[in-house]
């Protein structure tokens, strides 16, 4: 996912806390990270490394008391954090511990 673009983030409170991250890969294909039963969403925008909409790296390798945890480190230096019961992520060589399937469901 390195150098993929984060286009937008949509959070739906009413349907039990679902979240969708709209992304574009290096070939401008639209891809999505989708989470259900979101218990926590942290979206800082301090831009300590300068402004950027590009992803540096993604970490999805652990679970905490609030469910699955996904961290998206932006090339701005900001780290977006989401905790949810289920998280679907697109397959990419840039994701830690990902399988070689089309998508990965963390549940």
N, C-alpha and C. Protein backbone atom coordinates (compact mmCIF):
# COMPACT_ATOMS: atom_id res chain seq x y z
N UNK A 1 0.81 -1.20 0.00
CA UNK A 1 0.00 0.00 0.00
C UNK A 1 0.86 1.26 0.00
N UNK A 2 2.16 1.10 0.04
CA UNK A 2 3.05 2.26 0.01
C UNK A 2 2.79 3.09 -1.24
N UNK A 3 2.64 4.37 -1.07
CA UNK A 3 2.36 5.35 -2.13
C UNK A 3 0.93 5.32 -2.65
N UNK A 4 0.05 4.49 -2.06
CA UNK A 4 -1.37 4.57 -2.41
C UNK A 4 -1.91 5.88 -1.83
N UNK A 5 -2.96 6.40 -2.44
CA UNK A 5 -3.56 7.67 -2.03
C UNK A 5 -4.81 7.40 -1.18
N UNK A 6 -4.90 8.08 -0.05
CA UNK A 6 -6.12 8.07 0.76
C UNK A 6 -7.01 9.19 0.23
N UNK A 7 -8.13 8.81 -0.40
CA UNK A 7 -9.04 9.77 -1.02
C UNK A 7 -9.99 10.35 0.03
N UNK A 8 -10.67 9.46 0.77
CA UNK A 8 -11.57 9.93 1.82
C UNK A 8 -11.88 8.81 2.80
N UNK A 9 -12.48 9.22 3.91
CA UNK A 9 -12.91 8.30 4.96
C UNK A 9 -14.37 8.61 5.27
N UNK A 10 -15.21 7.57 5.24
CA UNK A 10 -16.63 7.72 5.55
C UNK A 10 -16.95 6.90 6.79
N UNK A 11 -17.61 7.52 7.76
CA UNK A 11 -18.01 6.82 8.98
C UNK A 11 -19.51 6.94 9.14
N UNK A 12 -20.18 5.81 9.33
CA UNK A 12 -21.63 5.80 9.52
C UNK A 12 -21.95 5.37 10.95
N UNK A 13 -22.37 6.32 11.74
CA UNK A 13 -22.69 6.07 13.14
C UNK A 13 -23.95 5.23 13.29
N UNK A 14 -24.97 5.56 12.50
CA UNK A 14 -26.29 4.97 12.67
C UNK A 14 -26.34 3.47 12.44
N UNK A 15 -25.55 2.95 11.54
CA UNK A 15 -25.63 1.51 11.22
C UNK A 15 -24.73 0.64 12.09
N UNK A 16 -24.40 1.11 13.27
CA UNK A 16 -23.61 0.31 14.20
C UNK A 16 -22.13 0.60 14.13
N UNK A 17 -21.76 1.66 13.45
CA UNK A 17 -20.36 2.06 13.38
C UNK A 17 -19.61 1.37 12.26
N UNK A 18 -19.89 1.75 11.02
CA UNK A 18 -19.12 1.21 9.90
C UNK A 18 -18.26 2.32 9.32
N UNK A 19 -17.14 1.93 8.75
CA UNK A 19 -16.19 2.90 8.22
C UNK A 19 -15.63 2.39 6.90
N UNK A 20 -15.46 3.30 5.95
CA UNK A 20 -14.92 2.94 4.64
C UNK A 20 -13.83 3.94 4.26
N UNK A 21 -12.64 3.41 3.96
CA UNK A 21 -11.53 4.21 3.48
C UNK A 21 -11.45 4.02 1.97
N UNK A 22 -11.59 5.10 1.22
CA UNK A 22 -11.47 5.03 -0.24
C UNK A 22 -10.02 5.33 -0.61
N UNK A 23 -9.44 4.42 -1.39
CA UNK A 23 -8.03 4.50 -1.75
C UNK A 23 -7.84 4.43 -3.27
N UNK A 24 -6.71 4.91 -3.75
CA UNK A 24 -6.29 4.71 -5.13
C UNK A 24 -4.89 4.12 -5.11
N UNK A 25 -4.71 3.03 -5.87
CA UNK A 25 -3.38 2.42 -5.93
C UNK A 25 -2.51 3.16 -6.95
N UNK A 26 -1.33 2.63 -7.21
CA UNK A 26 -0.37 3.29 -8.12
C UNK A 26 -0.88 3.38 -9.54
N UNK A 27 -1.85 2.53 -9.90
CA UNK A 27 -2.44 2.55 -11.24
C UNK A 27 -3.77 3.29 -11.28
N UNK A 28 -4.08 4.03 -10.23
CA UNK A 28 -5.32 4.80 -10.07
C UNK A 28 -6.57 3.93 -9.98
N UNK A 29 -6.41 2.66 -9.62
CA UNK A 29 -7.56 1.79 -9.35
C UNK A 29 -8.15 2.16 -8.00
N UNK A 30 -9.48 2.15 -7.90
CA UNK A 30 -10.16 2.42 -6.63
C UNK A 30 -10.24 1.15 -5.80
N UNK A 31 -9.81 1.24 -4.56
CA UNK A 31 -9.84 0.13 -3.62
C UNK A 31 -10.36 0.66 -2.29
N UNK A 32 -10.77 -0.26 -1.41
CA UNK A 32 -11.41 0.16 -0.16
C UNK A 32 -10.94 -0.69 1.02
N UNK A 33 -10.82 -0.06 2.16
CA UNK A 33 -10.72 -0.74 3.44
C UNK A 33 -12.07 -0.52 4.10
N UNK A 34 -12.71 -1.61 4.53
CA UNK A 34 -14.03 -1.50 5.16
C UNK A 34 -14.00 -2.14 6.54
N UNK A 35 -14.61 -1.46 7.50
CA UNK A 35 -14.65 -1.95 8.87
C UNK A 35 -16.09 -1.91 9.38
N UNK A 36 -16.43 -2.92 10.18
CA UNK A 36 -17.75 -3.01 10.77
C UNK A 36 -17.65 -3.10 12.29
N UNK A 37 -18.66 -2.54 12.96
CA UNK A 37 -18.68 -2.46 14.42
C UNK A 37 -17.43 -1.76 14.94
N UNK A 38 -17.23 -0.56 14.45
CA UNK A 38 -16.06 0.25 14.82
C UNK A 38 -16.24 0.77 16.24
N UNK A 39 -15.24 0.55 17.07
CA UNK A 39 -15.28 1.04 18.44
C UNK A 39 -14.39 2.26 18.64
N UNK A 40 -13.44 2.46 17.74
CA UNK A 40 -12.54 3.60 17.88
C UNK A 40 -12.00 3.99 16.50
N UNK A 41 -11.94 5.30 16.25
CA UNK A 41 -11.40 5.83 15.01
C UNK A 41 -10.65 7.11 15.35
N UNK A 42 -9.35 7.12 15.08
CA UNK A 42 -8.50 8.27 15.38
C UNK A 42 -7.92 8.77 14.06
N UNK A 43 -8.19 10.04 13.74
CA UNK A 43 -7.75 10.60 12.47
C UNK A 43 -7.02 11.93 12.73
N UNK A 44 -5.74 11.87 13.10
CA UNK A 44 -5.00 13.12 13.30
C UNK A 44 -4.59 13.73 11.95
N UNK A 45 -4.38 15.01 11.94
CA UNK A 45 -3.87 15.68 10.74
C UNK A 45 -2.92 16.80 11.19
N UNK A 46 -1.78 16.37 11.74
CA UNK A 46 -0.77 17.31 12.21
C UNK A 46 0.29 17.60 11.15
N UNK A 47 0.47 16.68 10.23
CA UNK A 47 1.40 16.82 9.09
C UNK A 47 2.82 17.19 9.54
N UNK A 48 3.34 16.46 10.54
CA UNK A 48 4.68 16.72 11.05
C UNK A 48 5.77 16.58 9.99
N UNK A 49 5.54 15.71 9.00
CA UNK A 49 6.52 15.50 7.93
C UNK A 49 6.18 16.31 6.69
N UNK A 50 5.15 17.13 6.76
CA UNK A 50 4.69 17.91 5.61
C UNK A 50 3.40 17.33 5.07
N UNK A 51 2.66 18.09 4.26
CA UNK A 51 1.37 17.62 3.73
C UNK A 51 1.53 16.46 2.76
N UNK A 52 0.65 15.48 2.86
CA UNK A 52 0.65 14.35 1.94
C UNK A 52 -0.65 13.56 2.10
N UNK A 53 -1.17 13.06 0.99
CA UNK A 53 -2.33 12.16 1.00
C UNK A 53 -1.90 10.72 0.74
N UNK A 54 -0.60 10.48 0.67
CA UNK A 54 -0.07 9.15 0.35
C UNK A 54 0.19 8.33 1.61
N UNK A 55 -0.03 7.02 1.48
CA UNK A 55 0.21 6.08 2.58
C UNK A 55 1.68 5.70 2.59
N UNK A 56 2.26 5.67 3.77
CA UNK A 56 3.64 5.20 3.93
C UNK A 56 3.63 3.69 4.19
N UNK A 57 2.91 3.26 5.23
CA UNK A 57 2.79 1.83 5.53
C UNK A 57 1.55 1.55 6.34
N UNK A 58 1.15 0.28 6.35
CA UNK A 58 -0.03 -0.17 7.07
C UNK A 58 0.36 -1.32 7.98
N UNK A 59 -0.12 -1.27 9.22
CA UNK A 59 0.12 -2.35 10.18
C UNK A 59 -1.23 -2.90 10.62
N UNK A 60 -1.39 -4.22 10.50
CA UNK A 60 -2.66 -4.86 10.87
C UNK A 60 -2.44 -6.11 11.68
N UNK A 61 -1.34 -6.20 12.35
CA UNK A 61 -0.90 -7.48 12.89
C UNK A 61 -1.32 -7.78 14.32
N UNK A 62 -2.20 -6.98 14.90
CA UNK A 62 -2.52 -7.28 16.29
C UNK A 62 -3.96 -6.97 16.63
N UNK A 63 -4.38 -7.56 17.74
CA UNK A 63 -5.73 -7.37 18.27
C UNK A 63 -5.59 -6.77 19.66
N UNK A 64 -6.52 -5.91 20.01
CA UNK A 64 -6.50 -5.36 21.36
C UNK A 64 -7.86 -5.59 22.01
N UNK A 65 -8.07 -4.99 23.16
CA UNK A 65 -9.30 -5.20 23.92
C UNK A 65 -10.53 -4.68 23.16
N UNK A 66 -10.35 -3.76 22.22
CA UNK A 66 -11.46 -3.19 21.46
C UNK A 66 -11.69 -3.91 20.14
N UNK A 67 -11.02 -5.02 19.89
CA UNK A 67 -11.18 -5.76 18.64
C UNK A 67 -9.92 -5.70 17.79
N UNK A 68 -10.09 -5.81 16.50
CA UNK A 68 -8.96 -5.74 15.57
C UNK A 68 -8.49 -4.29 15.47
N UNK A 69 -7.21 -4.11 15.26
CA UNK A 69 -6.63 -2.76 15.18
C UNK A 69 -5.84 -2.63 13.89
N UNK A 70 -6.08 -1.56 13.17
CA UNK A 70 -5.38 -1.27 11.93
C UNK A 70 -4.78 0.12 12.05
N UNK A 71 -3.50 0.25 11.71
CA UNK A 71 -2.83 1.55 11.73
C UNK A 71 -2.38 1.89 10.32
N UNK A 72 -2.73 3.08 9.87
CA UNK A 72 -2.32 3.56 8.55
C UNK A 72 -1.41 4.75 8.78
N UNK A 73 -0.12 4.55 8.51
CA UNK A 73 0.84 5.65 8.64
C UNK A 73 0.89 6.40 7.31
N UNK A 74 0.56 7.68 7.37
CA UNK A 74 0.58 8.52 6.19
C UNK A 74 1.99 9.08 5.98
N UNK A 75 2.29 9.48 4.76
CA UNK A 75 3.59 10.09 4.49
C UNK A 75 3.70 11.49 5.07
N UNK A 76 2.62 11.97 5.68
CA UNK A 76 2.63 13.23 6.43
C UNK A 76 3.15 13.02 7.86
N UNK A 77 3.29 11.74 8.26
CA UNK A 77 3.70 11.41 9.62
C UNK A 77 2.53 11.08 10.53
N UNK A 78 1.32 11.38 10.10
CA UNK A 78 0.14 11.07 10.89
C UNK A 78 -0.17 9.58 10.84
N UNK A 79 -0.68 9.03 11.94
CA UNK A 79 -1.07 7.62 12.00
C UNK A 79 -2.56 7.55 12.30
N UNK A 80 -3.31 7.03 11.33
CA UNK A 80 -4.75 6.83 11.48
C UNK A 80 -4.94 5.46 12.12
N UNK A 81 -5.78 5.39 13.15
CA UNK A 81 -6.01 4.15 13.88
C UNK A 81 -7.50 3.81 13.85
N UNK A 82 -7.80 2.55 13.55
CA UNK A 82 -9.18 2.09 13.62
C UNK A 82 -9.22 0.76 14.37
N UNK A 83 -10.17 0.64 15.30
CA UNK A 83 -10.42 -0.60 16.02
C UNK A 83 -11.85 -1.02 15.69
N UNK A 84 -12.02 -2.28 15.30
CA UNK A 84 -13.34 -2.76 14.88
C UNK A 84 -13.42 -4.27 15.05
N UNK A 85 -14.64 -4.79 15.07
CA UNK A 85 -14.82 -6.24 15.13
C UNK A 85 -14.34 -6.92 13.85
N UNK A 86 -14.58 -6.28 12.70
CA UNK A 86 -14.18 -6.85 11.41
C UNK A 86 -13.56 -5.76 10.54
N UNK A 87 -12.47 -6.10 9.85
CA UNK A 87 -11.82 -5.16 8.94
C UNK A 87 -11.44 -5.92 7.66
N UNK A 88 -11.93 -5.44 6.52
CA UNK A 88 -11.54 -5.98 5.21
C UNK A 88 -10.49 -5.06 4.61
N UNK A 89 -9.38 -5.64 4.17
CA UNK A 89 -8.34 -4.83 3.54
C UNK A 89 -7.97 -5.44 2.19
N UNK A 90 -7.64 -4.61 1.20
CA UNK A 90 -7.21 -5.15 -0.09
C UNK A 90 -5.85 -5.82 0.04
N UNK A 91 -5.61 -6.83 -0.77
CA UNK A 91 -4.33 -7.51 -0.79
C UNK A 91 -3.25 -6.56 -1.29
N UNK A 92 -2.14 -6.56 -0.62
CA UNK A 92 -1.03 -5.72 -1.04
C UNK A 92 0.24 -6.22 -0.38
N UNK A 93 1.34 -6.09 -1.07
CA UNK A 93 2.62 -6.47 -0.49
C UNK A 93 3.06 -5.48 0.58
N UNK A 94 2.37 -4.35 0.69
CA UNK A 94 2.72 -3.34 1.67
C UNK A 94 2.07 -3.52 3.02
N UNK A 95 1.29 -4.59 3.23
CA UNK A 95 0.62 -4.81 4.51
C UNK A 95 1.31 -5.94 5.26
N UNK A 96 1.66 -5.69 6.50
CA UNK A 96 2.29 -6.70 7.33
C UNK A 96 1.36 -7.89 7.51
N UNK A 97 1.92 -9.09 7.44
CA UNK A 97 1.19 -10.33 7.70
C UNK A 97 -0.01 -10.55 6.80
N UNK A 98 0.00 -10.02 5.59
CA UNK A 98 -1.14 -10.25 4.70
C UNK A 98 -0.97 -11.56 3.97
N UNK A 99 -2.09 -12.15 3.58
CA UNK A 99 -2.06 -13.37 2.79
C UNK A 99 -2.07 -12.99 1.32
N UNK A 100 -1.91 -13.96 0.44
CA UNK A 100 -1.89 -13.69 -0.99
C UNK A 100 -3.27 -13.87 -1.61
N UNK A 101 -4.31 -13.52 -0.89
CA UNK A 101 -5.66 -13.58 -1.42
C UNK A 101 -6.08 -12.20 -1.87
N UNK A 102 -7.19 -12.12 -2.58
CA UNK A 102 -7.65 -10.83 -3.09
C UNK A 102 -7.93 -9.84 -1.98
N UNK A 103 -8.53 -10.29 -0.90
CA UNK A 103 -8.75 -9.43 0.25
C UNK A 103 -8.56 -10.23 1.51
N UNK A 104 -8.39 -9.53 2.60
CA UNK A 104 -8.19 -10.19 3.87
C UNK A 104 -9.26 -9.69 4.83
N UNK A 105 -9.91 -10.60 5.52
CA UNK A 105 -10.91 -10.23 6.51
C UNK A 105 -10.31 -10.47 7.88
N UNK A 106 -10.23 -9.43 8.66
CA UNK A 106 -9.74 -9.56 10.04
C UNK A 106 -10.96 -9.72 10.92
N UNK A 107 -11.18 -10.92 11.44
CA UNK A 107 -12.31 -11.11 12.36
C UNK A 107 -12.03 -12.27 13.27
